[in-house]
N, C-alpha and C. Protein backbone atom coordinates (compact mmCIF):
# COMPACT_ATOMS: atom_id res chain seq x y z
N MET A 1 53.67 -96.43 7.84
CA MET A 1 54.60 -95.39 7.47
C MET A 1 55.20 -95.68 6.10
N ARG A 2 55.50 -96.96 5.88
CA ARG A 2 56.09 -97.34 4.59
C ARG A 2 55.14 -97.01 3.44
N ALA A 3 53.85 -97.31 3.62
CA ALA A 3 52.87 -97.04 2.57
C ALA A 3 52.74 -95.54 2.31
N LEU A 4 52.74 -94.74 3.36
CA LEU A 4 52.67 -93.28 3.21
C LEU A 4 53.88 -92.77 2.44
N LYS A 5 55.06 -93.21 2.83
CA LYS A 5 56.28 -92.77 2.16
C LYS A 5 56.28 -93.17 0.69
N ARG A 6 55.85 -94.40 0.40
CA ARG A 6 55.80 -94.88 -0.98
C ARG A 6 54.83 -94.04 -1.81
N THR A 7 53.65 -93.78 -1.25
CA THR A 7 52.63 -93.00 -1.97
C THR A 7 53.13 -91.59 -2.25
N LEU A 8 53.71 -90.94 -1.25
CA LEU A 8 54.21 -89.58 -1.45
C LEU A 8 55.36 -89.55 -2.45
N ALA A 9 56.26 -90.53 -2.37
CA ALA A 9 57.39 -90.56 -3.31
C ALA A 9 56.89 -90.73 -4.74
N LYS A 10 55.88 -91.58 -4.96
CA LYS A 10 55.32 -91.75 -6.31
C LYS A 10 54.70 -90.45 -6.81
N HIS A 11 53.96 -89.79 -5.93
CA HIS A 11 53.33 -88.52 -6.30
C HIS A 11 54.39 -87.49 -6.68
N TRP A 12 55.38 -87.34 -5.83
CA TRP A 12 56.42 -86.34 -6.09
C TRP A 12 57.20 -86.66 -7.35
N SER A 13 57.48 -87.95 -7.57
CA SER A 13 58.19 -88.34 -8.79
C SER A 13 57.36 -87.98 -10.02
N GLY A 14 56.05 -88.19 -9.93
CA GLY A 14 55.15 -87.82 -11.02
C GLY A 14 55.12 -86.33 -11.27
N GLU A 15 55.41 -85.55 -10.24
CA GLU A 15 55.45 -84.09 -10.36
C GLU A 15 56.84 -83.60 -10.78
N GLY A 16 57.77 -84.54 -10.96
CA GLY A 16 59.12 -84.17 -11.39
C GLY A 16 60.08 -83.84 -10.25
N VAL A 17 59.67 -84.10 -9.03
CA VAL A 17 60.55 -83.84 -7.88
C VAL A 17 61.53 -84.99 -7.76
N GLN A 18 62.81 -84.68 -7.84
CA GLN A 18 63.84 -85.69 -7.80
C GLN A 18 64.03 -86.23 -6.38
N GLY A 19 64.27 -87.53 -6.26
CA GLY A 19 64.57 -88.15 -4.98
C GLY A 19 66.05 -88.06 -4.68
N PRO A 20 66.51 -88.55 -3.59
CA PRO A 20 65.70 -89.28 -2.61
C PRO A 20 64.83 -88.33 -1.81
N HIS A 21 63.66 -88.81 -1.46
CA HIS A 21 62.71 -88.00 -0.71
C HIS A 21 62.83 -88.21 0.79
N TRP A 22 63.47 -89.28 1.20
CA TRP A 22 63.47 -89.64 2.62
C TRP A 22 64.89 -89.88 3.10
N GLN A 23 65.14 -89.55 4.32
CA GLN A 23 66.43 -89.80 4.93
C GLN A 23 66.57 -91.30 5.18
N LYS A 24 67.74 -91.85 4.86
CA LYS A 24 67.97 -93.27 5.11
C LYS A 24 67.98 -93.52 6.61
N GLY A 25 67.54 -94.70 6.97
CA GLY A 25 67.60 -95.09 8.37
C GLY A 25 66.50 -94.48 9.21
N PHE A 26 65.38 -94.11 8.60
CA PHE A 26 64.27 -93.55 9.36
C PHE A 26 63.88 -94.51 10.47
N PHE A 27 63.64 -93.98 11.64
CA PHE A 27 63.23 -94.81 12.77
C PHE A 27 62.09 -94.12 13.47
N ASP A 28 60.99 -94.82 13.64
CA ASP A 28 59.90 -94.26 14.41
C ASP A 28 59.88 -94.96 15.76
N HIS A 29 59.33 -94.29 16.72
CA HIS A 29 59.35 -94.81 18.09
C HIS A 29 57.97 -94.62 18.70
N VAL A 30 57.44 -95.66 19.26
CA VAL A 30 56.15 -95.57 19.93
C VAL A 30 56.41 -95.08 21.35
N LEU A 31 55.76 -93.99 21.69
CA LEU A 31 55.91 -93.47 23.05
C LEU A 31 55.00 -94.26 23.97
N ARG A 32 55.61 -94.87 24.98
CA ARG A 32 54.85 -95.77 25.83
C ARG A 32 54.60 -95.23 27.23
N SER A 33 55.25 -94.15 27.59
CA SER A 33 55.06 -93.62 28.93
C SER A 33 55.36 -92.13 28.95
N GLU A 34 54.93 -91.47 29.99
CA GLU A 34 55.22 -90.04 30.14
C GLU A 34 56.72 -89.81 30.21
N GLU A 35 57.44 -90.70 30.87
CA GLU A 35 58.89 -90.58 30.96
C GLU A 35 59.52 -90.64 29.57
N SER A 36 59.07 -91.56 28.76
CA SER A 36 59.59 -91.70 27.42
C SER A 36 59.31 -90.44 26.59
N TYR A 37 58.13 -89.87 26.74
CA TYR A 37 57.78 -88.65 26.02
C TYR A 37 58.73 -87.53 26.40
N GLU A 38 58.95 -87.34 27.69
CA GLU A 38 59.84 -86.26 28.14
C GLU A 38 61.25 -86.47 27.62
N GLU A 39 61.71 -87.70 27.63
CA GLU A 39 63.05 -88.02 27.12
C GLU A 39 63.17 -87.67 25.64
N LYS A 40 62.19 -88.06 24.85
CA LYS A 40 62.22 -87.79 23.41
C LYS A 40 62.07 -86.31 23.13
N TRP A 41 61.22 -85.64 23.89
CA TRP A 41 61.03 -84.20 23.70
C TRP A 41 62.34 -83.46 23.96
N GLU A 42 63.06 -83.84 25.00
CA GLU A 42 64.33 -83.18 25.31
C GLU A 42 65.35 -83.45 24.19
N TYR A 43 65.34 -84.64 23.65
CA TYR A 43 66.24 -84.97 22.53
C TYR A 43 65.96 -84.03 21.35
N VAL A 44 64.69 -83.86 21.01
CA VAL A 44 64.32 -82.99 19.89
C VAL A 44 64.69 -81.54 20.19
N ARG A 45 64.45 -81.10 21.42
CA ARG A 45 64.82 -79.73 21.80
C ARG A 45 66.31 -79.46 21.62
N GLN A 46 67.12 -80.46 21.83
CA GLN A 46 68.57 -80.30 21.75
C GLN A 46 69.11 -80.36 20.32
N ASN A 47 68.28 -80.76 19.34
CA ASN A 47 68.77 -80.87 17.96
C ASN A 47 69.43 -79.61 17.44
N PRO A 48 68.84 -78.41 17.58
CA PRO A 48 69.51 -77.21 17.06
C PRO A 48 70.83 -76.92 17.78
N VAL A 49 70.92 -77.31 19.05
CA VAL A 49 72.17 -77.12 19.80
C VAL A 49 73.24 -78.05 19.22
N ARG A 50 72.89 -79.33 19.04
CA ARG A 50 73.84 -80.29 18.48
C ARG A 50 74.30 -79.90 17.08
N ALA A 51 73.40 -79.25 16.32
CA ALA A 51 73.74 -78.82 14.96
C ALA A 51 74.56 -77.53 14.96
N GLY A 52 74.76 -76.93 16.12
CA GLY A 52 75.55 -75.70 16.21
C GLY A 52 74.80 -74.46 15.77
N LEU A 53 73.48 -74.53 15.74
CA LEU A 53 72.69 -73.38 15.30
C LEU A 53 72.44 -72.38 16.42
N VAL A 54 72.42 -72.84 17.65
CA VAL A 54 72.20 -72.00 18.83
C VAL A 54 73.03 -72.58 19.98
N ILE A 55 73.17 -71.80 21.03
CA ILE A 55 73.90 -72.26 22.21
C ILE A 55 72.98 -73.04 23.15
N THR A 56 71.76 -72.54 23.31
CA THR A 56 70.78 -73.21 24.18
C THR A 56 69.50 -73.45 23.39
N PRO A 57 68.71 -74.47 23.77
CA PRO A 57 67.46 -74.73 23.05
C PRO A 57 66.49 -73.56 23.09
N GLU A 58 66.53 -72.78 24.15
CA GLU A 58 65.61 -71.65 24.29
C GLU A 58 65.84 -70.58 23.22
N GLU A 59 67.02 -70.54 22.63
CA GLU A 59 67.33 -69.56 21.58
C GLU A 59 66.69 -69.93 20.25
N TRP A 60 66.30 -71.18 20.08
CA TRP A 60 65.73 -71.63 18.81
C TRP A 60 64.30 -71.13 18.68
N PRO A 61 63.98 -70.31 17.67
CA PRO A 61 62.66 -69.69 17.60
C PRO A 61 61.53 -70.64 17.18
N TYR A 62 61.87 -71.83 16.72
CA TYR A 62 60.84 -72.72 16.19
C TYR A 62 60.48 -73.86 17.12
N GLN A 63 60.86 -73.75 18.37
CA GLN A 63 60.54 -74.84 19.30
C GLN A 63 59.14 -74.67 19.86
N GLY A 64 58.62 -75.76 20.37
CA GLY A 64 57.31 -75.70 21.00
C GLY A 64 56.43 -76.83 20.54
N GLU A 65 55.38 -77.02 21.25
CA GLU A 65 54.41 -78.06 20.94
C GLU A 65 53.16 -77.42 20.36
N ILE A 66 52.62 -78.04 19.35
CA ILE A 66 51.35 -77.57 18.81
C ILE A 66 50.22 -78.11 19.68
N HIS A 67 50.30 -79.40 19.96
CA HIS A 67 49.33 -80.06 20.83
C HIS A 67 50.10 -80.93 21.81
N ARG A 68 49.79 -80.81 23.05
CA ARG A 68 50.43 -81.65 24.06
C ARG A 68 49.92 -83.08 23.91
N LEU A 69 50.85 -84.02 23.81
CA LEU A 69 50.47 -85.42 23.71
C LEU A 69 50.22 -85.96 25.11
N THR A 70 49.22 -86.78 25.23
CA THR A 70 48.94 -87.42 26.52
C THR A 70 49.02 -88.92 26.34
N VAL A 71 49.41 -89.58 27.40
CA VAL A 71 49.53 -91.02 27.38
C VAL A 71 48.30 -91.61 28.04
N ARG A 72 47.64 -92.52 27.33
CA ARG A 72 46.45 -93.17 27.89
C ARG A 72 46.80 -94.62 28.21
N ALA A 73 46.32 -95.11 29.31
CA ALA A 73 46.47 -96.52 29.64
C ALA A 73 45.40 -97.30 28.89
N TRP A 74 45.78 -98.34 28.24
CA TRP A 74 44.82 -99.16 27.49
C TRP A 74 44.27 -100.15 28.37
């Protein structure tokens, strides 16, 4: 992730796009179980509610999954 962010920031800077390009304190999380996925999905669904943009997550027109993630046992 660090390499991707560095590469994109260099490209954007070369194009004249002013930084900062990334939110401080970025945290990625490896989903390890179906329970964890559901927990994280509900957290994301609630973001527009926490931001005061809608009353319920269902009111947010941009919610949804493009591809359902599945958990595989290694």
